[in-house]
Amino acid sequence: MPDNANARRLAAVPDLPEQERAEDRDANRARIERHVLGTAMDSPGDIPAMRIHIQPGSFADPVHGHIWEAISTCHDGGEPVHPTAVTEHLIRGGHIRKLPHNAYLFDLYQQALPGQGGHWARLLAERHTWDRVNAGTHKIKRMLDTPGAGLDQVAHLAEHLVTVAAGRGTTGNDGEHIADLAAAYIDGYLDWGKAKGAATPWPDLNQLLTTEGFERGQVVTFGGASGMGKSVAITDIARHTGVELQQPTLIFTMEMTADQVLCRILAGLTGIPEKAIKNRDLTPDQLVRVDEARRRFQDSPLWIVAEPRTVTQIANAVRQHKHRYGSVHTVVVDYVQIVPTEGRKENRQLEVSATMQRLKQLALKEDVLVVTAAQINRAPAQRTDKRPTLADLRESGEIENSSDIVVLIYREDYYDKESPRAGEADFIVAKQRGGVTDTVTVAAQLHLTRFVSMADDWTPSGAAR
């Protein structure tokens, strides 16, 4: 990890709190949690400020965590945040029996401190952080007392505790900065001494779009069969907005690691095959290009969150980044059908519908561009004309309804390896709210994990000039 990354973390480590007896600490923590929940139900206007600091896991009492999640769900859905409405959500989620007694939510409601939600949320976040740090220090002590304990493990845990302390008052993992991630990956994994808009990235597509690109408040969905390249396309957009256009961008990936996303971004930016980057099989010239890309990342407002997140948690992260860094322009979600859902739905179609509706609410409420990918069903493979249509979007018509723009990806060589159109892809703009629909052809350079304009005499952005 580079020095500036550690400096950012160490500078934020808080001073030790005043000493408390264990029983007093637990009682105070429980009191803070009750004030947080009561104030949220009494003063829902405080909830956005509170969610910058806390999430369900911030509560020591798991029951309180479930109540906070129900409060957040009511708030996001535009429902009254009142004990009665929260109770209904707890019933649907199967958590109502965990409450101490039937009137417990009303007891919490009586402990509200109107207008002080942000204050109590910050206190709770501090308590949660110190509990984690305290547990970690005890674990380090046990490791040091164990004969043969590895110092590398101790050092790794100690660095993790610094990261936890530096991130106090925020809701969990808010993503890894692309510069920190790239430095650790390239320096460590590749082993340098031994290793061999927002306009879109596609000018033809920009010309077709009414606003000559994508804009805040929109939900843009790229649909395609598995392996067609939909995730490559939305990673292209994240790289373009975050690195090329310097627009603050968040990537939420549900099925890849941060390093895997980084490799895709590096390949697309430098024009080096992804396989060569992963296998450490780089020429001296390629090493120079990757190193130059790493330097570009230092000033690139691009973060990668590589863990499953509900839409509520994604929205919390967006608000948190706005609070800490000033703004967020683009939110990339890969991909919609595997985003975890909140509460129980009768079937998968309703779950996907709820996810899309919440993504649209996120785009509008937070004034961000939301770009996501969606799986299509197998119907095109059974047809003579295998080009996908809106009706092929899998599991929910709400994907079409909530999206302002739907781009379906079709590659003829996906079905016919001998096709004369091998290496080409059609971006079928099947829906454009307030605009025309048509098809744009691009070059599919999937070994470089990117799509590029057919007309481009393309030079790798990370290459030496």
Protein backbone atom coordinates (compact mmCIF):
# COMPACT_ATOMS: atom_id res chain seq x y z
CA MET A 1 0.00 0.00 0.00
CA PRO A 2 1.49 3.39 -0.94
CA ASP A 3 2.54 5.85 1.77
CA ASN A 4 -0.20 8.36 0.90
CA ALA A 5 -2.89 5.70 1.39
CA ASN A 6 -1.65 4.85 4.88
CA ALA A 7 -1.31 8.55 5.65
CA ARG A 8 -4.95 9.10 4.75
CA ARG A 9 -5.95 6.32 7.14
CA LEU A 10 -3.60 7.12 10.04
CA ALA A 11 -4.54 10.80 10.03
CA ALA A 12 -8.14 9.86 10.77
CA VAL A 13 -7.51 7.58 13.77
CA PRO A 14 -9.43 8.98 16.78
CA ASP A 15 -8.20 9.52 20.30
CA LEU A 16 -9.09 6.94 22.93
CA PRO A 17 -12.43 7.50 24.66
CA GLU A 18 -12.71 7.94 28.39
CA GLN A 19 -12.52 4.70 30.34
CA GLU A 20 -15.81 3.04 31.25
CA ARG A 21 -16.69 -0.01 33.25
CA ALA A 22 -17.90 -2.82 31.01
CA GLU A 23 -21.42 -2.79 32.46
CA ASP A 24 -21.68 1.00 32.06
CA ARG A 25 -20.40 0.76 28.48
CA ASP A 26 -23.04 -1.83 27.57
CA ALA A 27 -25.80 0.17 29.23
CA ASN A 28 -24.75 3.36 27.48
CA ARG A 29 -24.57 1.57 24.13
CA ALA A 30 -28.11 0.21 24.57
CA ARG A 31 -29.36 3.69 25.54
CA ILE A 32 -27.77 5.23 22.44
CA GLU A 33 -29.34 2.58 20.21
CA ARG A 34 -32.80 3.25 21.67
CA HIS A 35 -32.41 7.01 21.14
CA VAL A 36 -31.32 6.41 17.53
CA LEU A 37 -34.32 4.23 16.69
CA GLY A 38 -36.86 6.37 18.54
CA THR A 39 -35.58 9.58 16.94
CA ALA A 40 -35.67 8.02 13.46
CA MET A 41 -39.32 7.07 13.86
CA ASP A 42 -40.25 10.43 15.38
CA SER A 43 -38.19 12.60 13.00
CA PRO A 44 -37.82 10.83 9.62
CA GLY A 45 -36.23 13.99 8.23
CA ASP A 46 -33.14 13.09 10.29
CA ILE A 47 -32.76 9.67 8.64
CA PRO A 48 -30.57 10.72 5.65
CA ALA A 49 -28.03 12.33 8.02
CA MET A 50 -28.14 9.31 10.31
CA ARG A 51 -27.54 6.83 7.49
CA ILE A 52 -24.25 8.48 6.63
CA HIS A 53 -22.94 7.02 9.89
CA ILE A 54 -24.80 3.79 10.63
CA GLN A 55 -26.23 0.65 9.08
CA PRO A 56 -27.94 -2.44 10.59
CA GLY A 57 -24.59 -3.96 11.58
CA SER A 58 -23.77 -0.89 13.68
CA PHE A 59 -26.18 -2.06 16.40
CA ALA A 60 -24.90 -4.40 19.12
CA ASP A 61 -28.43 -5.74 19.60
CA PRO A 62 -29.40 -7.69 16.44
CA VAL A 63 -33.07 -6.87 17.09
CA HIS A 64 -32.23 -3.17 16.86
CA GLY A 65 -30.43 -3.86 13.58
CA HIS A 66 -33.59 -5.43 12.14
CA ILE A 67 -35.65 -2.46 13.34
CA TRP A 68 -33.24 0.01 11.69
CA GLU A 69 -33.43 -1.94 8.42
CA ALA A 70 -37.24 -1.83 8.56
CA ILE A 71 -37.14 1.93 9.26
CA SER A 72 -34.85 2.44 6.25
CA THR A 73 -37.12 0.37 4.02
CA CYS A 74 -40.18 2.41 5.04
CA HIS A 75 -38.31 5.66 4.45
CA ASP A 76 -37.01 4.63 1.01
CA GLY A 77 -40.45 3.46 -0.05
CA GLY A 78 -42.05 6.77 0.87
CA GLU A 79 -44.09 5.13 3.65
CA PRO A 80 -44.74 6.66 7.09
CA VAL A 81 -41.89 5.84 9.46
CA HIS A 82 -44.11 5.14 12.43
CA PRO A 83 -44.12 2.19 14.89
CA THR A 84 -47.18 0.71 13.19
CA ALA A 85 -45.63 0.77 9.68
CA VAL A 86 -42.29 -0.49 10.99
CA THR A 87 -44.09 -3.33 12.78
CA GLU A 88 -45.69 -4.42 9.49
CA HIS A 89 -42.25 -4.61 7.84
CA LEU A 90 -40.89 -6.67 10.75
CA ILE A 91 -43.83 -9.05 10.39
CA ARG A 92 -43.16 -9.50 6.65
CA GLY A 93 -39.46 -10.06 7.34
CA GLY A 94 -40.17 -12.68 10.00
CA HIS A 95 -38.50 -10.65 12.79
CA ILE A 96 -41.52 -9.58 14.86
CA ARG A 97 -41.17 -12.48 17.33
CA LYS A 98 -37.67 -11.32 18.23
CA LEU A 99 -38.98 -8.15 19.91
CA PRO A 100 -38.93 -8.18 23.73
CA HIS A 101 -42.67 -7.42 23.85
CA ASN A 102 -45.46 -6.26 21.55
CA ALA A 103 -45.25 -2.59 22.52
CA TYR A 104 -41.45 -2.40 22.20
CA LEU A 105 -41.48 -0.12 19.15
CA PHE A 106 -43.77 2.31 20.93
CA ASP A 107 -41.41 2.28 23.92
CA LEU A 108 -38.58 3.23 21.55
CA TYR A 109 -40.75 5.93 20.03
CA GLN A 110 -41.11 7.51 23.47
CA GLN A 111 -37.31 7.82 23.71
CA ALA A 112 -37.03 10.04 20.64
CA LEU A 113 -34.93 13.18 20.82
CA PRO A 114 -36.20 15.24 17.86
CA GLY A 115 -33.59 17.06 15.81
CA GLN A 116 -30.71 15.13 17.34
CA GLY A 117 -30.67 12.10 15.03
CA GLY A 118 -27.31 12.90 13.44
CA HIS A 119 -25.69 13.39 16.86
CA TRP A 120 -26.86 10.07 18.26
CA ALA A 121 -26.02 8.24 15.03
CA ARG A 122 -22.44 9.56 15.24
CA LEU A 123 -22.19 8.39 18.87
CA LEU A 124 -23.41 4.94 17.89
CA ALA A 125 -20.94 4.76 15.00
CA GLU A 126 -18.09 5.63 17.38
CA ARG A 127 -19.20 2.92 19.81
CA HIS A 128 -19.41 0.37 17.03
CA THR A 129 -15.93 1.26 15.79
CA TRP A 130 -14.39 1.00 19.24
CA ASP A 131 -16.03 -2.37 19.84
CA ARG A 132 -14.44 -3.66 16.63
CA VAL A 133 -11.05 -2.15 17.48
CA ASN A 134 -11.22 -3.51 21.03
CA ALA A 135 -12.03 -7.01 19.79
CA GLY A 136 -9.17 -6.79 17.31
CA THR A 137 -6.61 -5.70 19.90
CA HIS A 138 -7.56 -8.63 22.13
CA LYS A 139 -7.12 -10.95 19.16
CA ILE A 140 -3.67 -9.48 18.46
CA LYS A 141 -2.69 -10.05 22.10
CA ARG A 142 -3.78 -13.69 21.90
CA MET A 143 -1.80 -14.13 18.68
CA LEU A 144 1.33 -12.64 20.27
CA ASP A 145 0.94 -14.96 23.26
CA THR A 146 0.74 -17.98 20.95
CA PRO A 147 4.10 -19.66 20.26
CA GLY A 148 4.97 -19.61 16.57
CA ALA A 149 2.45 -16.92 15.64
CA GLY A 150 3.29 -15.31 12.30
CA LEU A 151 4.21 -11.64 12.48
CA ASP A 152 2.80 -11.13 9.00
CA GLN A 153 -0.64 -12.11 10.30
CA VAL A 154 -0.30 -9.78 13.26
CA ALA A 155 0.82 -6.91 11.01
CA HIS A 156 -2.06 -7.53 8.61
CA LEU A 157 -4.61 -7.47 11.43
CA ALA A 158 -3.04 -4.34 12.93
CA GLU A 159 -3.25 -2.56 9.57
CA HIS A 160 -6.88 -3.64 9.29
CA LEU A 161 -7.62 -2.10 12.70
CA VAL A 162 -6.07 1.17 11.56
CA THR A 163 -8.39 1.09 8.55
CA VAL A 164 -11.40 0.41 10.78
CA ALA A 165 -10.48 3.26 13.15
CA ALA A 166 -9.84 5.64 10.26
CA GLY A 167 -13.26 4.86 8.84
CA ARG A 168 -15.11 5.60 12.11
CA GLY A 169 -18.48 7.25 11.82
CA THR A 170 -19.15 5.81 8.36
CA THR A 171 -21.30 2.91 7.23
CA GLY A 172 -18.89 0.06 6.65
CA ASN A 173 -16.88 -0.57 3.52
CA ASP A 174 -17.31 2.43 1.20
CA GLY A 175 -15.15 0.92 -1.51
CA GLU A 176 -11.47 0.85 -2.33
CA HIS A 177 -9.95 3.82 -4.11
CA ILE A 178 -8.70 2.78 -7.52
CA ALA A 179 -5.20 4.21 -6.84
CA ASP A 180 -4.77 2.21 -3.62
CA LEU A 181 -6.16 -0.93 -5.21
CA ALA A 182 -3.99 -0.62 -8.31
CA ALA A 183 -0.83 0.08 -6.32
CA ALA A 184 -1.31 -2.98 -4.11
CA TYR A 185 -2.25 -5.20 -7.03
CA ILE A 186 0.44 -4.09 -9.47
CA ASP A 187 3.27 -3.89 -6.94
CA GLY A 188 2.39 -7.13 -5.20
CA TYR A 189 0.65 -9.47 -7.57
CA LEU A 190 2.54 -8.64 -10.78
CA ASP A 191 5.95 -8.54 -9.01
CA TRP A 192 7.59 -5.84 -11.11
CA GLY A 193 11.15 -7.17 -10.92
CA LYS A 194 10.19 -10.57 -12.32
CA ALA A 195 7.02 -10.09 -14.26
CA LYS A 196 7.42 -10.59 -17.90
CA GLY A 197 -19.77 12.68 -19.71
CA ALA A 198 -21.09 12.01 -19.52
CA ALA A 199 -20.49 11.03 -23.07
CA THR A 200 -20.14 7.29 -23.55
CA PRO A 201 -16.90 5.75 -24.85
CA TRP A 202 -18.62 5.19 -28.22
CA PRO A 203 -19.06 8.28 -30.49
CA ASP A 204 -21.62 6.59 -32.74
CA LEU A 205 -23.80 5.81 -29.73
CA ASN A 206 -23.45 9.39 -28.47
CA GLN A 207 -24.80 10.69 -31.78
CA LEU A 208 -27.87 8.49 -31.44
CA LEU A 209 -28.63 9.54 -27.87
CA THR A 210 -30.82 12.61 -27.39
CA THR A 211 -28.39 14.20 -24.90
CA GLU A 212 -25.28 12.94 -26.77
CA GLY A 213 -24.49 10.68 -23.82
CA PHE A 214 -25.99 9.52 -20.56
CA GLU A 215 -27.08 11.97 -17.88
CA ARG A 216 -27.80 12.20 -14.18
CA GLY A 217 -31.19 10.95 -13.08
CA GLN A 218 -31.26 8.24 -15.74
CA VAL A 219 -31.18 4.48 -15.35
CA VAL A 220 -29.37 2.87 -18.28
CA THR A 221 -29.54 -0.92 -18.66
CA PHE A 222 -27.29 -3.04 -20.86
CA GLY A 223 -28.92 -6.39 -21.55
CA GLY A 224 -27.45 -9.53 -23.01
CA ALA A 225 -27.02 -13.26 -22.73
CA SER A 226 -24.40 -14.68 -20.37
CA GLY A 227 -20.97 -14.06 -21.92
CA MET A 228 -22.28 -11.58 -24.50
CA GLY A 229 -20.37 -8.70 -22.93
CA LYS A 230 -22.88 -6.70 -20.90
CA SER A 231 -20.57 -6.51 -17.86
CA VAL A 232 -17.69 -5.47 -20.12
CA ALA A 233 -19.83 -2.63 -21.50
CA ILE A 234 -20.77 -1.20 -18.11
CA THR A 235 -17.16 -1.50 -16.91
CA ASP A 236 -16.19 0.46 -20.06
CA ILE A 237 -18.57 3.20 -18.93
CA ALA A 238 -17.17 3.21 -15.37
CA ARG A 239 -13.62 3.47 -16.70
CA HIS A 240 -14.60 6.24 -19.11
CA THR A 241 -16.47 8.37 -16.56
CA GLY A 242 -14.11 7.79 -13.65
CA VAL A 243 -10.73 7.91 -15.42
CA GLU A 244 -11.21 9.66 -18.76
CA LEU A 245 -13.87 12.21 -17.75
CA GLN A 246 -12.84 12.47 -14.06
CA GLN A 247 -16.45 12.18 -12.91
CA PRO A 248 -16.87 10.60 -9.43
CA THR A 249 -17.91 7.00 -10.09
CA LEU A 250 -18.83 4.03 -7.89
CA ILE A 251 -18.80 0.43 -9.13
CA PHE A 252 -20.85 -2.13 -7.17
CA THR A 253 -20.03 -5.65 -8.31
CA MET A 254 -21.97 -8.59 -6.90
CA GLU A 255 -19.96 -11.49 -8.31
CA MET A 256 -16.38 -10.32 -8.97
CA THR A 257 -13.52 -9.34 -6.69
CA ALA A 258 -12.07 -5.84 -6.73
CA ASP A 259 -8.89 -7.20 -8.33
CA GLN A 260 -10.90 -8.79 -11.14
CA VAL A 261 -12.62 -5.49 -11.86
CA LEU A 262 -9.25 -3.73 -11.73
CA CYS A 263 -7.80 -6.16 -14.31
CA ARG A 264 -10.67 -5.37 -16.66
CA ILE A 265 -10.14 -1.65 -16.24
CA LEU A 266 -6.38 -2.00 -16.78
CA ALA A 267 -6.86 -4.11 -19.90
CA GLY A 268 -9.37 -1.71 -21.43
CA LEU A 269 -7.30 1.35 -20.57
CA THR A 270 -3.91 0.08 -21.73
CA GLY A 271 -4.86 -2.21 -24.62
CA ILE A 272 -3.07 -5.14 -22.93
CA PRO A 273 -4.88 -8.50 -22.95
CA GLU A 274 -6.56 -9.20 -19.62
CA LYS A 275 -5.05 -12.68 -19.60
CA ALA A 276 -1.51 -11.26 -19.80
CA ILE A 277 -2.21 -8.98 -16.83
CA LYS A 278 -3.63 -11.82 -14.73
CA ASN A 279 -0.81 -14.23 -15.67
CA ARG A 280 1.98 -11.67 -15.12
CA ASP A 281 3.09 -12.19 -18.70
CA LEU A 282 3.94 -8.61 -19.64
CA THR A 283 6.55 -7.21 -22.01
CA PRO A 284 8.72 -4.29 -20.84
CA ASP A 285 6.60 -1.93 -22.95
CA GLN A 286 3.41 -3.29 -21.40
CA LEU A 287 4.84 -2.84 -17.91
CA VAL A 288 5.46 0.82 -18.71
CA ARG A 289 1.88 1.23 -19.93
CA VAL A 290 0.43 -0.42 -16.82
CA ASP A 291 2.62 1.75 -14.59
CA GLU A 292 1.43 4.89 -16.40
CA ALA A 293 -2.16 3.74 -15.92
CA ARG A 294 -1.49 3.36 -12.20
CA ARG A 295 -0.27 6.95 -12.05
CA ARG A 296 -3.46 8.12 -13.75
CA PHE A 297 -5.47 6.31 -11.09
CA GLN A 298 -3.98 8.53 -8.38
CA ASP A 299 -6.25 11.39 -9.47
CA SER A 300 -9.18 9.30 -10.73
CA PRO A 301 -12.38 9.51 -8.63
CA LEU A 302 -13.28 5.85 -9.12
CA TRP A 303 -14.16 3.41 -6.33
CA ILE A 304 -14.89 -0.31 -6.43
CA VAL A 305 -17.21 -1.98 -3.91
CA ALA A 306 -16.82 -5.73 -4.35
CA GLU A 307 -19.48 -7.26 -2.11
CA PRO A 308 -23.22 -7.91 -2.33
CA ARG A 309 -25.24 -4.79 -1.46
CA THR A 310 -28.97 -4.18 -1.32
CA VAL A 311 -30.19 -1.06 -3.08
CA THR A 312 -30.68 0.58 0.32
CA GLN A 313 -27.04 -0.14 1.15
CA ILE A 314 -25.96 1.15 -2.27
CA ALA A 315 -27.92 4.34 -1.64
CA ASN A 316 -26.28 4.69 1.78
CA ALA A 317 -22.85 4.37 0.17
CA VAL A 318 -23.72 7.01 -2.43
CA ARG A 319 -24.84 9.45 0.26
CA GLN A 320 -21.74 8.69 2.28
CA HIS A 321 -19.46 9.41 -0.68
CA LYS A 322 -21.29 12.66 -1.33
CA HIS A 323 -20.78 13.63 2.30
CA ARG A 324 -17.07 12.73 2.29
CA TYR A 325 -16.00 13.68 -1.24
CA GLY A 326 -18.55 16.23 -2.43
CA SER A 327 -20.37 14.48 -5.28
CA VAL A 328 -21.14 11.26 -7.13
CA HIS A 329 -21.89 11.28 -10.86
CA THR A 330 -22.17 7.64 -11.95
CA VAL A 331 -23.21 4.48 -10.09
CA VAL A 332 -22.54 1.19 -11.87
CA VAL A 333 -24.34 -1.93 -10.60
CA ASP A 334 -23.32 -5.36 -11.92
CA TYR A 335 -25.90 -6.79 -12.27
CA VAL A 336 -29.56 -6.20 -11.46
CA GLN A 337 -30.87 -9.78 -11.16
CA ILE A 338 -28.36 -10.70 -8.45
CA VAL A 339 -28.68 -7.58 -6.27
CA PRO A 340 -29.83 -8.83 -2.82
CA THR A 341 -33.38 -7.82 -2.01
CA GLU A 342 -34.86 -6.39 1.18
CA GLY A 343 -37.69 -8.31 2.74
CA ARG A 344 -39.47 -11.30 1.33
CA LYS A 345 -41.28 -11.17 -2.00
CA GLU A 346 -43.72 -13.72 -3.38
CA ASN A 347 -41.51 -14.54 -6.37
CA ARG A 348 -38.32 -13.62 -8.15
CA GLN A 349 -40.12 -11.35 -10.61
CA LEU A 350 -41.36 -9.13 -7.78
CA GLU A 351 -37.86 -9.03 -6.28
CA VAL A 352 -36.31 -7.82 -9.53
CA SER A 353 -39.15 -5.33 -10.00
CA ALA A 354 -38.52 -3.89 -6.54
CA THR A 355 -34.79 -3.64 -7.23
CA MET A 356 -35.32 -1.73 -10.48
CA GLN A 357 -37.83 0.63 -8.88
CA ARG A 358 -35.37 1.41 -6.09
CA LEU A 359 -32.54 1.98 -8.56
CA LYS A 360 -34.73 4.50 -10.36
CA GLN A 361 -35.52 6.20 -7.04
CA LEU A 362 -31.79 6.31 -6.33
CA ALA A 363 -31.07 7.97 -9.67
CA LEU A 364 -33.71 10.63 -9.13
CA LYS A 365 -33.27 11.30 -5.40
CA GLU A 366 -29.48 11.45 -5.47
CA ASP A 367 -29.22 12.97 -8.97
CA VAL A 368 -26.83 10.31 -10.23
CA LEU A 369 -26.52 8.27 -13.41
CA VAL A 370 -27.25 4.61 -12.67
CA VAL A 371 -25.84 2.10 -15.16
CA THR A 372 -26.65 -1.57 -14.70
CA ALA A 373 -26.59 -4.86 -16.57
CA ALA A 374 -29.42 -7.35 -16.99
CA GLN A 375 -29.54 -10.95 -18.11
CA ILE A 376 -31.84 -11.93 -20.98
CA ASN A 377 -33.62 -15.26 -21.20
CA ARG A 378 -32.82 -18.10 -23.58
CA ALA A 379 -35.55 -17.34 -26.09
CA PRO A 380 -33.21 -15.74 -28.71
CA ALA A 381 -31.16 -18.94 -28.95
CA GLN A 382 -34.30 -20.80 -30.06
CA ARG A 383 -35.19 -18.33 -32.81
CA THR A 384 -33.94 -18.02 -36.36
CA ASP A 385 -33.34 -14.30 -35.75
CA LYS A 386 -31.34 -14.37 -32.56
CA ARG A 387 -31.23 -10.63 -32.01
CA PRO A 388 -32.65 -9.88 -28.55
CA THR A 389 -35.73 -7.75 -27.93
CA LEU A 390 -37.10 -6.01 -24.85
CA ALA A 391 -39.40 -8.97 -24.28
CA ASP A 392 -36.34 -11.15 -23.70
CA LEU A 393 -35.24 -9.31 -20.54
CA ARG A 394 -35.27 -11.95 -17.89
CA GLU A 395 -37.67 -12.11 -14.93
CA SER A 396 -39.26 -8.67 -15.02
CA GLY A 397 -40.91 -6.17 -17.32
CA GLU A 398 -39.99 -3.58 -14.71
CA ILE A 399 -36.43 -3.58 -16.07
CA GLU A 400 -37.79 -1.99 -19.23
CA ASN A 401 -40.23 0.26 -17.37
CA SER A 402 -37.72 1.73 -14.90
CA SER A 403 -34.93 2.15 -17.44
CA ASP A 404 -34.66 5.38 -19.39
CA ILE A 405 -32.40 3.70 -21.93
CA VAL A 406 -32.06 -0.01 -22.71
CA VAL A 407 -29.16 -1.20 -24.85
CA LEU A 408 -29.24 -4.86 -25.90
CA ILE A 409 -25.94 -6.40 -26.97
CA TYR A 410 -25.82 -8.84 -29.88
CA ARG A 411 -22.78 -10.58 -31.36
CA GLU A 412 -23.32 -12.82 -34.35
CA ASP A 413 -20.14 -14.79 -33.59
CA TYR A 414 -21.60 -15.67 -30.18
CA TYR A 415 -23.87 -18.12 -31.99
CA ASP A 416 -21.82 -18.73 -35.17
CA LYS A 417 -18.03 -18.88 -34.67
CA GLU A 418 -17.51 -18.75 -38.47
CA SER A 419 -19.59 -15.60 -38.91
CA PRO A 420 -18.10 -12.99 -41.31
CA ARG A 421 -19.01 -10.45 -38.61
CA ALA A 422 -16.68 -11.98 -36.06
CA GLY A 423 -15.29 -9.29 -33.76
CA GLU A 424 -18.30 -7.00 -34.21
CA ALA A 425 -21.12 -6.26 -31.78
CA ASP A 426 -24.44 -4.51 -32.24
CA PHE A 427 -25.60 -2.12 -29.54
CA ILE A 428 -29.35 -2.25 -30.07
CA VAL A 429 -30.90 0.85 -28.47
CA ALA A 430 -34.25 -0.81 -27.85
CA LYS A 431 -35.59 1.97 -25.65
CA GLN A 432 -34.70 5.64 -25.28
CA ARG A 433 -37.13 7.73 -23.30
CA GLY A 434 -37.90 10.76 -25.45
CA GLY A 435 -35.57 9.65 -28.25
CA VAL A 436 -35.19 7.36 -31.24
CA THR A 437 -34.22 3.69 -31.27
CA ASP A 438 -31.65 2.25 -33.63
CA THR A 439 -28.57 0.03 -33.76
CA VAL A 440 -24.92 1.03 -33.46
CA THR A 441 -22.13 -1.35 -34.45
CA VAL A 442 -18.92 -1.41 -32.41
CA ALA A 443 -15.78 -3.55 -32.34
CA ALA A 444 -15.82 -6.25 -29.66
CA GLN A 445 -12.30 -6.53 -28.27
CA LEU A 446 -13.27 -8.89 -25.48
CA HIS A 447 -9.70 -10.11 -24.92
CA LEU A 448 -9.02 -6.50 -23.92
CA THR A 449 -12.34 -6.37 -22.03
CA ARG A 450 -13.69 -3.44 -24.01
CA PHE A 451 -15.87 -2.36 -26.88
CA VAL A 452 -14.52 0.41 -29.16
CA SER A 453 -15.82 2.46 -32.05
CA MET A 454 -15.46 0.83 -35.47
CA ALA A 455 -14.13 4.12 -36.85
CA ASP A 456 -11.51 4.68 -34.15
CA ASP A 457 -7.81 4.55 -34.89
CA TRP A 458 -7.54 3.62 -31.23
CA THR A 459 -4.47 4.26 -29.11
CA PRO A 460 -4.29 2.78 -25.59
CA SER A 461 -4.91 5.55 -23.04
CA GLY A 462 -2.15 4.20 -20.81
CA ALA A 463 0.41 3.82 -23.61
CA ALA A 464 3.48 5.98 -23.85
CA ARG A 465 3.23 8.64 -26.55
